[in-house]
Amino acid sequence: YADSVKGRFTVSRDNAKNTVYLQMNSLKPEDTAVYYCAAVRAY
């Protein structure tokens, strides 16, 4: 996690559903943005 979201955001994935999630709690105005997910082949 980035330091700015640590303790407030949680990332998780469900490989059976091919889905990744980002739970965002205690949101702040400075969290305002366009959010993107991205993938990289991991070895």
PDB file of all heavy atoms in Angstrom:
ATOM      1  N   TYR A   1       0.835  -1.196   0.000  1.00  0.00           N
ATOM      2  CA  TYR A   1       0.000   0.000   0.000  1.00  0.00           C
ATOM      3  C   TYR A   1       0.876   1.255   0.000  1.00  0.00           C
ATOM      4  O   TYR A   1       1.956   1.281   0.582  1.00  0.00           O
ATOM      5  CB  TYR A   1      -0.889   0.039   1.246  1.00  0.00           C
ATOM      6  CG  TYR A   1      -1.889  -1.085   1.309  1.00  0.00           C
ATOM      7  CD1 TYR A   1      -1.605  -2.259   1.989  1.00  0.00           C
ATOM      8  CD2 TYR A   1      -3.121  -0.964   0.671  1.00  0.00           C
ATOM      9  CE1 TYR A   1      -2.531  -3.308   2.032  1.00  0.00           C
ATOM     10  CE2 TYR A   1      -4.044  -1.996   0.715  1.00  0.00           C
ATOM     11  CZ  TYR A   1      -3.731  -3.158   1.398  1.00  0.00           C
ATOM     12  OH  TYR A   1      -4.658  -4.179   1.445  1.00  0.00           O
ATOM     13  N   ALA A   2       0.352   2.291  -0.611  1.00  0.00           N
ATOM     14  CA  ALA A   2       0.964   3.605  -0.465  1.00  0.00           C
ATOM     15  C   ALA A   2       0.751   4.078   0.971  1.00  0.00           C
ATOM     16  O   ALA A   2      -0.267   3.767   1.596  1.00  0.00           O
ATOM     17  CB  ALA A   2       0.333   4.588  -1.444  1.00  0.00           C
ATOM     18  N   ASP A   3       1.692   4.844   1.475  1.00  0.00           N
ATOM     19  CA  ASP A   3       1.583   5.332   2.855  1.00  0.00           C
ATOM     20  C   ASP A   3       0.310   6.145   3.069  1.00  0.00           C
ATOM     21  O   ASP A   3      -0.280   6.122   4.148  1.00  0.00           O
ATOM     22  CB  ASP A   3       2.802   6.191   3.206  1.00  0.00           C
ATOM     23  CG  ASP A   3       4.065   5.367   3.375  1.00  0.00           C
ATOM     24  OD1 ASP A   3       3.965   4.130   3.552  1.00  0.00           O
ATOM     25  OD2 ASP A   3       5.154   5.962   3.347  1.00  0.00           O
ATOM     26  N   SER A   4      -0.128   6.835   2.033  1.00  0.00           N
ATOM     27  CA  SER A   4      -1.280   7.725   2.156  1.00  0.00           C
ATOM     28  C   SER A   4      -2.605   6.978   2.362  1.00  0.00           C
ATOM     29  O   SER A   4      -3.587   7.573   2.801  1.00  0.00           O
ATOM     30  CB  SER A   4      -1.385   8.612   0.918  1.00  0.00           C
ATOM     31  OG  SER A   4      -1.521   7.821  -0.255  1.00  0.00           O
ATOM     32  N   VAL A   5      -2.625   5.676   2.045  1.00  0.00           N
ATOM     33  CA  VAL A   5      -3.871   4.918   2.178  1.00  0.00           C
ATOM     34  C   VAL A   5      -3.751   3.765   3.167  1.00  0.00           C
ATOM     35  O   VAL A   5      -4.755   3.099   3.459  1.00  0.00           O
ATOM     36  CB  VAL A   5      -4.346   4.375   0.809  1.00  0.00           C
ATOM     37  CG1 VAL A   5      -4.436   5.500  -0.213  1.00  0.00           C
ATOM     38  CG2 VAL A   5      -3.457   3.251   0.298  1.00  0.00           C
ATOM     39  N   LYS A   6      -2.563   3.546   3.673  1.00  0.00           N
ATOM     40  CA  LYS A   6      -2.342   2.419   4.577  1.00  0.00           C
ATOM     41  C   LYS A   6      -3.237   2.544   5.803  1.00  0.00           C
ATOM     42  O   LYS A   6      -3.346   3.602   6.409  1.00  0.00           O
ATOM     43  CB  LYS A   6      -0.864   2.388   4.989  1.00  0.00           C
ATOM     44  CG  LYS A   6      -0.362   1.048   5.439  1.00  0.00           C
ATOM     45  CD  LYS A   6       1.156   1.063   5.594  1.00  0.00           C
ATOM     46  CE  LYS A   6       1.867   1.199   4.274  1.00  0.00           C
ATOM     47  NZ  LYS A   6       3.339   1.144   4.397  1.00  0.00           N
ATOM     48  N   GLY A   7      -3.913   1.457   6.148  1.00  0.00           N
ATOM     49  CA  GLY A   7      -4.819   1.459   7.284  1.00  0.00           C
ATOM     50  C   GLY A   7      -6.235   1.864   6.933  1.00  0.00           C
ATOM     51  O   GLY A   7      -7.156   1.672   7.734  1.00  0.00           O
ATOM     52  N   ARG A   8      -6.434   2.423   5.738  1.00  0.00           N
ATOM     53  CA  ARG A   8      -7.776   2.843   5.304  1.00  0.00           C
ATOM     54  C   ARG A   8      -8.281   2.024   4.114  1.00  0.00           C
ATOM     55  O   ARG A   8      -9.483   1.776   4.001  1.00  0.00           O
ATOM     56  CB  ARG A   8      -7.761   4.326   4.916  1.00  0.00           C
ATOM     57  CG  ARG A   8      -7.349   5.269   6.027  1.00  0.00           C
ATOM     58  CD  ARG A   8      -7.554   6.721   5.633  1.00  0.00           C
ATOM     59  NE  ARG A   8      -6.725   7.114   4.493  1.00  0.00           N
ATOM     60  CZ  ARG A   8      -7.218   7.609   3.357  1.00  0.00           C
ATOM     61  NH1 ARG A   8      -8.519   7.765   3.194  1.00  0.00           N
ATOM     62  NH2 ARG A   8      -6.401   7.959   2.376  1.00  0.00           N
ATOM     63  N   PHE A   9      -7.391   1.624   3.248  1.00  0.00           N
ATOM     64  CA  PHE A   9      -7.755   0.868   2.037  1.00  0.00           C
ATOM     65  C   PHE A   9      -7.301  -0.586   2.183  1.00  0.00           C
ATOM     66  O   PHE A   9      -6.263  -0.866   2.787  1.00  0.00           O
ATOM     67  CB  PHE A   9      -7.083   1.461   0.808  1.00  0.00           C
ATOM     68  CG  PHE A   9      -7.603   2.809   0.378  1.00  0.00           C
ATOM     69  CD1 PHE A   9      -8.446   3.567   1.179  1.00  0.00           C
ATOM     70  CD2 PHE A   9      -7.230   3.330  -0.852  1.00  0.00           C
ATOM     71  CE1 PHE A   9      -8.903   4.807   0.782  1.00  0.00           C
ATOM     72  CE2 PHE A   9      -7.681   4.572  -1.282  1.00  0.00           C
ATOM     73  CZ  PHE A   9      -8.522   5.314  -0.455  1.00  0.00           C
ATOM     74  N   THR A  10      -8.077  -1.474   1.583  1.00  0.00           N
ATOM     75  CA  THR A  10      -7.727  -2.894   1.571  1.00  0.00           C
ATOM     76  C   THR A  10      -7.925  -3.456   0.165  1.00  0.00           C
ATOM     77  O   THR A  10      -9.018  -3.312  -0.401  1.00  0.00           O
ATOM     78  CB  THR A  10      -8.594  -3.697   2.550  1.00  0.00           C
ATOM     79  OG1 THR A  10      -8.438  -3.157   3.871  1.00  0.00           O
ATOM     80  CG2 THR A  10      -8.177  -5.159   2.560  1.00  0.00           C
ATOM     81  N   VAL A  11      -6.880  -4.067  -0.363  1.00  0.00           N
ATOM     82  CA  VAL A  11      -6.962  -4.707  -1.678  1.00  0.00           C
ATOM     83  C   VAL A  11      -7.132  -6.215  -1.472  1.00  0.00           C
ATOM     84  O   VAL A  11      -6.520  -6.805  -0.574  1.00  0.00           O
ATOM     85  CB  VAL A  11      -5.722  -4.385  -2.540  1.00  0.00           C
ATOM     86  CG1 VAL A  11      -4.438  -4.860  -1.892  1.00  0.00           C
ATOM     87  CG2 VAL A  11      -5.879  -4.943  -3.947  1.00  0.00           C
ATOM     88  N   SER A  12      -7.974  -6.806  -2.300  1.00  0.00           N
ATOM     89  CA  SER A  12      -8.202  -8.250  -2.234  1.00  0.00           C
ATOM     90  C   SER A  12      -8.531  -8.757  -3.633  1.00  0.00           C
ATOM     91  O   SER A  12      -8.776  -7.967  -4.546  1.00  0.00           O
ATOM     92  CB  SER A  12      -9.338  -8.589  -1.264  1.00  0.00           C
ATOM     93  OG  SER A  12     -10.554  -8.001  -1.698  1.00  0.00           O
ATOM     94  N   ARG A  13      -8.505 -10.059  -3.797  1.00  0.00           N
ATOM     95  CA  ARG A  13      -8.827 -10.626  -5.100  1.00  0.00           C
ATOM     96  C   ARG A  13      -9.555 -11.943  -4.924  1.00  0.00           C
ATOM     97  O   ARG A  13      -9.366 -12.647  -3.921  1.00  0.00           O
ATOM     98  CB  ARG A  13      -7.571 -10.810  -5.949  1.00  0.00           C
ATOM     99  CG  ARG A  13      -6.593 -11.834  -5.440  1.00  0.00           C
ATOM    100  CD  ARG A  13      -5.278 -11.770  -6.234  1.00  0.00           C
ATOM    101  NE  ARG A  13      -5.450 -12.210  -7.612  1.00  0.00           N
ATOM    102  CZ  ARG A  13      -4.545 -11.994  -8.570  1.00  0.00           C
ATOM    103  NH1 ARG A  13      -3.438 -11.325  -8.291  1.00  0.00           N
ATOM    104  NH2 ARG A  13      -4.753 -12.432  -9.798  1.00  0.00           N
ATOM    105  N   ASP A  14     -10.362 -12.273  -5.910  1.00  0.00           N
ATOM    106  CA  ASP A  14     -11.057 -13.545  -5.956  1.00  0.00           C
ATOM    107  C   ASP A  14     -10.723 -14.157  -7.309  1.00  0.00           C
ATOM    108  O   ASP A  14     -11.291 -13.782  -8.338  1.00  0.00           O
ATOM    109  CB  ASP A  14     -12.567 -13.328  -5.808  1.00  0.00           C
ATOM    110  CG  ASP A  14     -13.350 -14.632  -5.734  1.00  0.00           C
ATOM    111  OD1 ASP A  14     -12.831 -15.665  -6.216  1.00  0.00           O
ATOM    112  OD2 ASP A  14     -14.465 -14.622  -5.214  1.00  0.00           O
ATOM    113  N   ASN A  15      -9.782 -15.076  -7.325  1.00  0.00           N
ATOM    114  CA  ASN A  15      -9.325 -15.648  -8.589  1.00  0.00           C
ATOM    115  C   ASN A  15     -10.411 -16.480  -9.263  1.00  0.00           C
ATOM    116  O   ASN A  15     -10.414 -16.638 -10.484  1.00  0.00           O
ATOM    117  CB  ASN A  15      -8.066 -16.480  -8.377  1.00  0.00           C
ATOM    118  CG  ASN A  15      -6.831 -15.610  -8.152  1.00  0.00           C
ATOM    119  OD1 ASN A  15      -6.860 -14.401  -8.378  1.00  0.00           O
ATOM    120  ND2 ASN A  15      -5.755 -16.220  -7.699  1.00  0.00           N
ATOM    121  N   ALA A  16     -11.335 -17.012  -8.471  1.00  0.00           N
ATOM    122  CA  ALA A  16     -12.438 -17.780  -9.059  1.00  0.00           C
ATOM    123  C   ALA A  16     -13.389 -16.881  -9.851  1.00  0.00           C
ATOM    124  O   ALA A  16     -14.033 -17.331 -10.797  1.00  0.00           O
ATOM    125  CB  ALA A  16     -13.202 -18.508  -7.963  1.00  0.00           C
ATOM    126  N   LYS A  17     -13.461 -15.605  -9.449  1.00  0.00           N
ATOM    127  CA  LYS A  17     -14.335 -14.651 -10.131  1.00  0.00           C
ATOM    128  C   LYS A  17     -13.560 -13.709 -11.045  1.00  0.00           C
ATOM    129  O   LYS A  17     -14.139 -12.792 -11.634  1.00  0.00           O
ATOM    130  CB  LYS A  17     -15.123 -13.825  -9.104  1.00  0.00           C
ATOM    131  CG  LYS A  17     -16.083 -14.648  -8.268  1.00  0.00           C
ATOM    132  CD  LYS A  17     -16.870 -13.764  -7.312  1.00  0.00           C
ATOM    133  CE  LYS A  17     -17.875 -14.586  -6.518  1.00  0.00           C
ATOM    134  NZ  LYS A  17     -18.650 -13.738  -5.571  1.00  0.00           N
ATOM    135  N   ASN A  18     -12.241 -13.898 -11.127  1.00  0.00           N
ATOM    136  CA  ASN A  18     -11.397 -13.023 -11.950  1.00  0.00           C
ATOM    137  C   ASN A  18     -11.606 -11.558 -11.609  1.00  0.00           C
ATOM    138  O   ASN A  18     -11.708 -10.700 -12.499  1.00  0.00           O
ATOM    139  CB  ASN A  18     -11.679 -13.251 -13.443  1.00  0.00           C
ATOM    140  CG  ASN A  18     -11.099 -14.547 -13.960  1.00  0.00           C
ATOM    141  OD1 ASN A  18     -10.511 -15.318 -13.210  1.00  0.00           O
ATOM    142  ND2 ASN A  18     -11.270 -14.803 -15.237  1.00  0.00           N
ATOM    143  N   THR A  19     -11.651 -11.268 -10.337  1.00  0.00           N
ATOM    144  CA  THR A  19     -11.956  -9.914  -9.887  1.00  0.00           C
ATOM    145  C   THR A  19     -11.013  -9.496  -8.765  1.00  0.00           C
ATOM    146  O   THR A  19     -10.686 -10.302  -7.885  1.00  0.00           O
ATOM    147  CB  THR A  19     -13.417  -9.816  -9.407  1.00  0.00           C
ATOM    148  OG1 THR A  19     -14.293 -10.208 -10.475  1.00  0.00           O
ATOM    149  CG2 THR A  19     -13.755  -8.396  -8.988  1.00  0.00           C
ATOM    150  N   VAL A  20     -10.609  -8.245  -8.811  1.00  0.00           N
ATOM    151  CA  VAL A  20      -9.831  -7.635  -7.740  1.00  0.00           C
ATOM    152  C   VAL A  20     -10.655  -6.481  -7.172  1.00  0.00           C
ATOM    153  O   VAL A  20     -11.413  -5.825  -7.899  1.00  0.00           O
ATOM    154  CB  VAL A  20      -8.450  -7.167  -8.235  1.00  0.00           C
ATOM    155  CG1 VAL A  20      -8.574  -6.098  -9.307  1.00  0.00           C
ATOM    156  CG2 VAL A  20      -7.588  -6.682  -7.079  1.00  0.00           C
ATOM    157  N   TYR A  21     -10.516  -6.259  -5.872  1.00  0.00           N
ATOM    158  CA  TYR A  21     -11.320  -5.263  -5.176  1.00  0.00           C
ATOM    159  C   TYR A  21     -10.423  -4.258  -4.460  1.00  0.00           C
ATOM    160  O   TYR A  21      -9.289  -4.569  -4.072  1.00  0.00           O
ATOM    161  CB  TYR A  21     -12.228  -5.935  -4.142  1.00  0.00           C
ATOM    162  CG  TYR A  21     -13.107  -7.023  -4.694  1.00  0.00           C
ATOM    163  CD1 TYR A  21     -12.716  -8.355  -4.605  1.00  0.00           C
ATOM    164  CD2 TYR A  21     -14.310  -6.720  -5.308  1.00  0.00           C
ATOM    165  CE1 TYR A  21     -13.513  -9.372  -5.113  1.00  0.00           C
ATOM    166  CE2 TYR A  21     -15.122  -7.729  -5.824  1.00  0.00           C
ATOM    167  CZ  TYR A  21     -14.714  -9.043  -5.718  1.00  0.00           C
ATOM    168  OH  TYR A  21     -15.511 -10.045  -6.230  1.00  0.00           O
ATOM    169  N   LEU A  22     -10.972  -3.085  -4.243  1.00  0.00           N
ATOM    170  CA  LEU A  22     -10.321  -2.085  -3.405  1.00  0.00           C
ATOM    171  C   LEU A  22     -11.372  -1.512  -2.467  1.00  0.00           C
ATOM    172  O   LEU A  22     -12.249  -0.753  -2.895  1.00  0.00           O
ATOM    173  CB  LEU A  22      -9.676  -0.970  -4.234  1.00  0.00           C
ATOM    174  CG  LEU A  22      -8.867   0.048  -3.431  1.00  0.00           C
ATOM    175  CD1 LEU A  22      -7.610  -0.620  -2.851  1.00  0.00           C
ATOM    176  CD2 LEU A  22      -8.477   1.244  -4.280  1.00  0.00           C
ATOM    177  N   GLN A  23     -11.318  -1.936  -1.211  1.00  0.00           N
ATOM    178  CA  GLN A  23     -12.216  -1.401  -0.193  1.00  0.00           C
ATOM    179  C   GLN A  23     -11.596  -0.136   0.367  1.00  0.00           C
ATOM    180  O   GLN A  23     -10.470  -0.167   0.878  1.00  0.00           O
ATOM    181  CB  GLN A  23     -12.425  -2.430   0.921  1.00  0.00           C
ATOM    182  CG  GLN A  23     -13.278  -1.924   2.066  1.00  0.00           C
ATOM    183  CD  GLN A  23     -14.718  -1.690   1.665  1.00  0.00           C
ATOM    184  OE1 GLN A  23     -15.342  -2.540   1.038  1.00  0.00           O
ATOM    185  NE2 GLN A  23     -15.266  -0.528   2.030  1.00  0.00           N
ATOM    186  N   MET A  24     -12.323   0.969   0.274  1.00  0.00           N
ATOM    187  CA  MET A  24     -11.803   2.260   0.701  1.00  0.00           C
ATOM    188  C   MET A  24     -12.671   2.783   1.848  1.00  0.00           C
ATOM    189  O   MET A  24     -13.863   3.029   1.661  1.00  0.00           O
ATOM    190  CB  MET A  24     -11.810   3.247  -0.468  1.00  0.00           C
ATOM    191  CG  MET A  24     -11.068   2.735  -1.699  1.00  0.00           C
ATOM    192  SD  MET A  24     -10.961   3.958  -3.016  1.00  0.00           S
ATOM    193  CE  MET A  24     -12.684   4.117  -3.462  1.00  0.00           C
ATOM    194  N   ASN A  25     -12.065   2.929   3.008  1.00  0.00           N
ATOM    195  CA  ASN A  25     -12.761   3.433   4.191  1.00  0.00           C
ATOM    196  C   ASN A  25     -12.153   4.759   4.624  1.00  0.00           C
ATOM    197  O   ASN A  25     -11.041   5.110   4.217  1.00  0.00           O
ATOM    198  CB  ASN A  25     -12.656   2.421   5.330  1.00  0.00           C
ATOM    199  CG  ASN A  25     -13.307   1.100   4.995  1.00  0.00           C
ATOM    200  OD1 ASN A  25     -14.285   1.023   4.264  1.00  0.00           O
ATOM    201  ND2 ASN A  25     -12.756   0.019   5.546  1.00  0.00           N
ATOM    202  N   SER A  26     -12.886   5.476   5.462  1.00  0.00           N
ATOM    203  CA  SER A  26     -12.410   6.755   6.003  1.00  0.00           C
ATOM    204  C   SER A  26     -11.915   7.662   4.888  1.00  0.00           C
ATOM    205  O   SER A  26     -10.815   8.243   4.978  1.00  0.00           O
ATOM    206  CB  SER A  26     -11.299   6.521   7.040  1.00  0.00           C
ATOM    207  OG  SER A  26     -11.765   5.702   8.089  1.00  0.00           O
ATOM    208  N   LEU A  27     -12.695   7.786   3.849  1.00  0.00           N
ATOM    209  CA  LEU A  27     -12.265   8.548   2.681  1.00  0.00           C
ATOM    210  C   LEU A  27     -12.100  10.019   3.003  1.00  0.00           C
ATOM    211  O   LEU A  27     -12.829  10.594   3.825  1.00  0.00           O
ATOM    212  CB  LEU A  27     -13.266   8.356   1.548  1.00  0.00           C
ATOM    213  CG  LEU A  27     -13.125   7.017   0.815  1.00  0.00           C
ATOM    214  CD1 LEU A  27     -14.386   6.674   0.045  1.00  0.00           C
ATOM    215  CD2 LEU A  27     -11.921   7.038  -0.099  1.00  0.00           C
ATOM    216  N   LYS A  28     -11.126  10.627   2.329  1.00  0.00           N
ATOM    217  CA  LYS A  28     -10.794  12.037   2.501  1.00  0.00           C
ATOM    218  C   LYS A  28     -10.945  12.767   1.166  1.00  0.00           C
ATOM    219  O   LYS A  28     -10.819  12.138   0.106  1.00  0.00           O
ATOM    220  CB  LYS A  28      -9.345  12.163   2.978  1.00  0.00           C
ATOM    221  CG  LYS A  28      -9.030  11.391   4.231  1.00  0.00           C
ATOM    222  CD  LYS A  28      -7.545  11.477   4.559  1.00  0.00           C
ATOM    223  CE  LYS A  28      -7.183  10.681   5.792  1.00  0.00           C
ATOM    224  NZ  LYS A  28      -5.740  10.764   6.116  1.00  0.00           N
ATOM    225  N   PRO A  29     -11.155  14.064   1.194  1.00  0.00           N
ATOM    226  CA  PRO A  29     -11.252  14.804  -0.077  1.00  0.00           C
ATOM    227  C   PRO A  29     -10.027  14.603  -0.969  1.00  0.00           C
ATOM    228  O   PRO A  29     -10.163  14.574  -2.197  1.00  0.00           O
ATOM    229  CB  PRO A  29     -11.385  16.248   0.387  1.00  0.00           C
ATOM    230  CG  PRO A  29     -12.071  16.150   1.709  1.00  0.00           C
ATOM    231  CD  PRO A  29     -11.502  14.914   2.339  1.00  0.00           C
ATOM    232  N   GLU A  30      -8.872  14.431  -0.365  1.00  0.00           N
ATOM    233  CA  GLU A  30      -7.658  14.237  -1.163  1.00  0.00           C
ATOM    234  C   GLU A  30      -7.592  12.865  -1.825  1.00  0.00           C
ATOM    235  O   GLU A  30      -6.689  12.613  -2.629  1.00  0.00           O
ATOM    236  CB  GLU A  30      -6.402  14.453  -0.314  1.00  0.00           C
ATOM    237  CG  GLU A  30      -6.357  13.685   0.975  1.00  0.00           C
ATOM    238  CD  GLU A  30      -6.830  14.527   2.163  1.00  0.00           C
ATOM    239  OE1 GLU A  30      -7.855  15.250   2.019  1.00  0.00           O
ATOM    240  OE2 GLU A  30      -6.174  14.460   3.227  1.00  0.00           O
ATOM    241  N   ASP A  31      -8.540  11.990  -1.540  1.00  0.00           N
ATOM    242  CA  ASP A  31      -8.632  10.714  -2.254  1.00  0.00           C
ATOM    243  C   ASP A  31      -9.370  10.861  -3.581  1.00  0.00           C
ATOM    244  O   ASP A  31      -9.435   9.903  -4.362  1.00  0.00           O
ATOM    245  CB  ASP A  31      -9.362   9.670  -1.404  1.00  0.00           C
ATOM    246  CG  ASP A  31      -8.604   9.299  -0.151  1.00  0.00           C
ATOM    247  OD1 ASP A  31      -7.369   9.129  -0.233  1.00  0.00           O
ATOM    248  OD2 ASP A  31      -9.234   9.170   0.911  1.00  0.00           O
ATOM    249  N   THR A  32      -9.913  12.030  -3.836  1.00  0.00           N
ATOM    250  CA  THR A  32     -10.632  12.269  -5.088  1.00  0.00           C
ATOM    251  C   THR A  32      -9.704  12.100  -6.277  1.00  0.00           C
ATOM    252  O   THR A  32      -8.646  12.727  -6.344  1.00  0.00           O
ATOM    253  CB  THR A  32     -11.235  13.682  -5.097  1.00  0.00           C
ATOM    254  OG1 THR A  32     -12.228  13.774  -4.063  1.00  0.00           O
ATOM    255  CG2 THR A  32     -11.877  13.999  -6.441  1.00  0.00           C
ATOM    256  N   ALA A  33     -10.106  11.239  -7.208  1.00  0.00           N
ATOM    257  CA  ALA A  33      -9.277  10.935  -8.387  1.00  0.00           C
ATOM    258  C   ALA A  33     -10.020   9.938  -9.260  1.00  0.00           C
ATOM    259  O   ALA A  33     -11.040   9.376  -8.862  1.00  0.00           O
ATOM    260  CB  ALA A  33      -7.935  10.348  -7.954  1.00  0.00           C
ATOM    261  N   VAL A  34      -9.453   9.707 -10.438  1.00  0.00           N
ATOM    262  CA  VAL A  34      -9.865   8.564 -11.248  1.00  0.00           C
ATOM    263  C   VAL A  34      -9.006   7.386 -10.807  1.00  0.00           C
ATOM    264  O   VAL A  34      -7.777   7.506 -10.757  1.00  0.00           O
ATOM    265  CB  VAL A  34      -9.690   8.836 -12.749  1.00  0.00           C
ATOM    266  CG1 VAL A  34     -10.063   7.585 -13.555  1.00  0.00           C
ATOM    267  CG2 VAL A  34     -10.544  10.025 -13.171  1.00  0.00           C
ATOM    268  N   TYR A  35      -9.648   6.289 -10.494  1.00  0.00           N
ATOM    269  CA  TYR A  35      -8.954   5.095 -10.025  1.00  0.00           C
ATOM    270  C   TYR A  35      -8.879   4.064 -11.149  1.00  0.00           C
ATOM    271  O   TYR A  35      -9.896   3.783 -11.807  1.00  0.00           O
ATOM    272  CB  TYR A  35      -9.675   4.514  -8.811  1.00  0.00           C
ATOM    273  CG  TYR A  35      -9.389   5.282  -7.548  1.00  0.00           C
ATOM    274  CD1 TYR A  35      -9.912   6.555  -7.352  1.00  0.00           C
ATOM    275  CD2 TYR A  35      -8.573   4.752  -6.546  1.00  0.00           C
ATOM    276  CE1 TYR A  35      -9.640   7.285  -6.204  1.00  0.00           C
ATOM    277  CE2 TYR A  35      -8.295   5.469  -5.398  1.00  0.00           C
ATOM    278  CZ  TYR A  35      -8.831   6.732  -5.230  1.00  0.00           C
ATOM    279  OH  TYR A  35      -8.549   7.444  -4.101  1.00  0.00           O
ATOM    280  N   TYR A  36      -7.682   3.524 -11.319  1.00  0.00           N
ATOM    281  CA  TYR A  36      -7.427   2.550 -12.366  1.00  0.00           C
ATOM    282  C   TYR A  36      -6.920   1.242 -11.762  1.00  0.00           C
ATOM    283  O   TYR A  36      -6.124   1.270 -10.823  1.00  0.00           O
ATOM    284  CB  TYR A  36      -6.351   3.050 -13.324  1.00  0.00           C
ATOM    285  CG  TYR A  36      -6.673   4.327 -14.047  1.00  0.00           C
ATOM    286  CD1 TYR A  36      -6.352   5.564 -13.489  1.00  0.00           C
ATOM    287  CD2 TYR A  36      -7.289   4.306 -15.293  1.00  0.00           C
ATOM    288  CE1 TYR A  36      -6.639   6.746 -14.152  1.00  0.00           C
ATOM    289  CE2 TYR A  36      -7.577   5.475 -15.971  1.00  0.00           C
ATOM    290  CZ  TYR A  36      -7.248   6.686 -15.395  1.00  0.00           C
ATOM    291  OH  TYR A  36      -7.528   7.848 -16.067  1.00  0.00           O
ATOM    292  N   CYS A  37      -7.356   0.127 -12.319  1.00  0.00           N
ATOM    293  CA  CYS A  37      -6.698  -1.122 -11.989  1.00  0.00           C
ATOM    294  C   CYS A  37      -5.774  -1.488 -13.151  1.00  0.00           C
ATOM    295  O   CYS A  37      -5.982  -1.068 -14.300  1.00  0.00           O
ATOM    296  CB  CYS A  37      -7.679  -2.244 -11.681  1.00  0.00           C
ATOM    297  SG  CYS A  37      -8.632  -2.833 -13.075  1.00  0.00           S
ATOM    298  N   ALA A  38      -4.751  -2.257 -12.824  1.00  0.00           N
ATOM    299  CA  ALA A  38      -3.739  -2.618 -13.810  1.00  0.00           C
ATOM    300  C   ALA A  38      -3.215  -4.012 -13.506  1.00  0.00           C
ATOM    301  O   ALA A  38      -3.260  -4.459 -12.350  1.00  0.00           O
ATOM    302  CB  ALA A  38      -2.599  -1.608 -13.790  1.00  0.00           C
ATOM    303  N   ALA A  39      -2.713  -4.672 -14.545  1.00  0.00           N
ATOM    304  CA  ALA A  39      -2.228  -6.040 -14.398  1.00  0.00           C
ATOM    305  C   ALA A  39      -0.835  -6.182 -14.982  1.00  0.00           C
ATOM    306  O   ALA A  39      -0.502  -5.563 -16.002  1.00  0.00           O
ATOM    307  CB  ALA A  39      -3.184  -7.018 -15.088  1.00  0.00           C
ATOM    308  N   VAL A  40      -0.028  -7.006 -14.334  1.00  0.00           N
ATOM    309  CA  VAL A  40       1.319  -7.326 -14.824  1.00  0.00           C
ATOM    310  C   VAL A  40       1.541  -8.821 -14.644  1.00  0.00           C
ATOM    311  O   VAL A  40       1.201  -9.388 -13.601  1.00  0.00           O
ATOM    312  CB  VAL A  40       2.396  -6.499 -14.095  1.00  0.00           C
ATOM    313  CG1 VAL A  40       2.319  -6.667 -12.594  1.00  0.00           C
ATOM    314  CG2 VAL A  40       3.784  -6.859 -14.606  1.00  0.00           C
ATOM    315  N   ARG A  41       2.092  -9.440 -15.667  1.00  0.00           N
ATOM    316  CA  ARG A  41       2.411 -10.863 -15.591  1.00  0.00           C
ATOM    317  C   ARG A  41       3.450 -11.054 -14.502  1.00  0.00           C
ATOM    318  O   ARG A  41       4.522 -10.461 -14.535  1.00  0.00           O
ATOM    319  CB  ARG A  41       2.934 -11.364 -16.934  1.00  0.00           C
ATOM    320  CG  ARG A  41       3.238 -12.851 -16.995  1.00  0.00           C
ATOM    321  CD  ARG A  41       1.979 -13.680 -16.950  1.00  0.00           C
ATOM    322  NE  ARG A  41       2.235 -15.063 -17.331  1.00  0.00           N
ATOM    323  CZ  ARG A  41       2.635 -16.005 -16.510  1.00  0.00           C
ATOM    324  NH1 ARG A  41       2.871 -15.716 -15.240  1.00  0.00           N
ATOM    325  NH2 ARG A  41       2.830 -17.233 -16.944  1.00  0.00           N
ATOM    326  N   ALA A  42       3.159 -11.891 -13.517  1.00  0.00           N
ATOM    327  CA  ALA A  42       4.023 -12.036 -12.360  1.00  0.00           C
ATOM    328  C   ALA A  42       4.704 -13.389 -12.376  1.00  0.00           C
ATOM    329  O   ALA A  42       4.044 -14.424 -12.437  1.00  0.00           O
ATOM    330  CB  ALA A  42       3.213 -11.870 -11.084  1.00  0.00           C
ATOM    331  N   TYR A  43       6.032 -13.386 -12.305  1.00  0.00           N
ATOM    332  CA  TYR A  43       6.803 -14.624 -12.289  1.00  0.00           C
ATOM    333  C   TYR A  43       7.380 -14.922 -10.908  1.00  0.00           C
ATOM    334  O   TYR A  43       7.840 -16.021 -10.645  1.00  0.00           O
ATOM    335  CB  TYR A  43       7.921 -14.545 -13.318  1.00  0.00           C
ATOM    336  CG  TYR A  43       7.398 -14.392 -14.726  1.00  0.00           C
ATOM    337  CD1 TYR A  43       7.259 -13.143 -15.311  1.00  0.00           C
ATOM    338  CD2 TYR A  43       7.009 -15.503 -15.466  1.00  0.00           C
ATOM    339  CE1 TYR A  43       6.764 -13.003 -16.596  1.00  0.00           C
ATOM    340  CE2 TYR A  43       6.511 -15.374 -16.756  1.00  0.00           C
ATOM    341  CZ  TYR A  43       6.392 -14.130 -17.303  1.00  0.00           C
ATOM    342  OH  TYR A  43       5.896 -13.990 -18.576  1.00  0.00           O
TER     343      TYR A  43
END
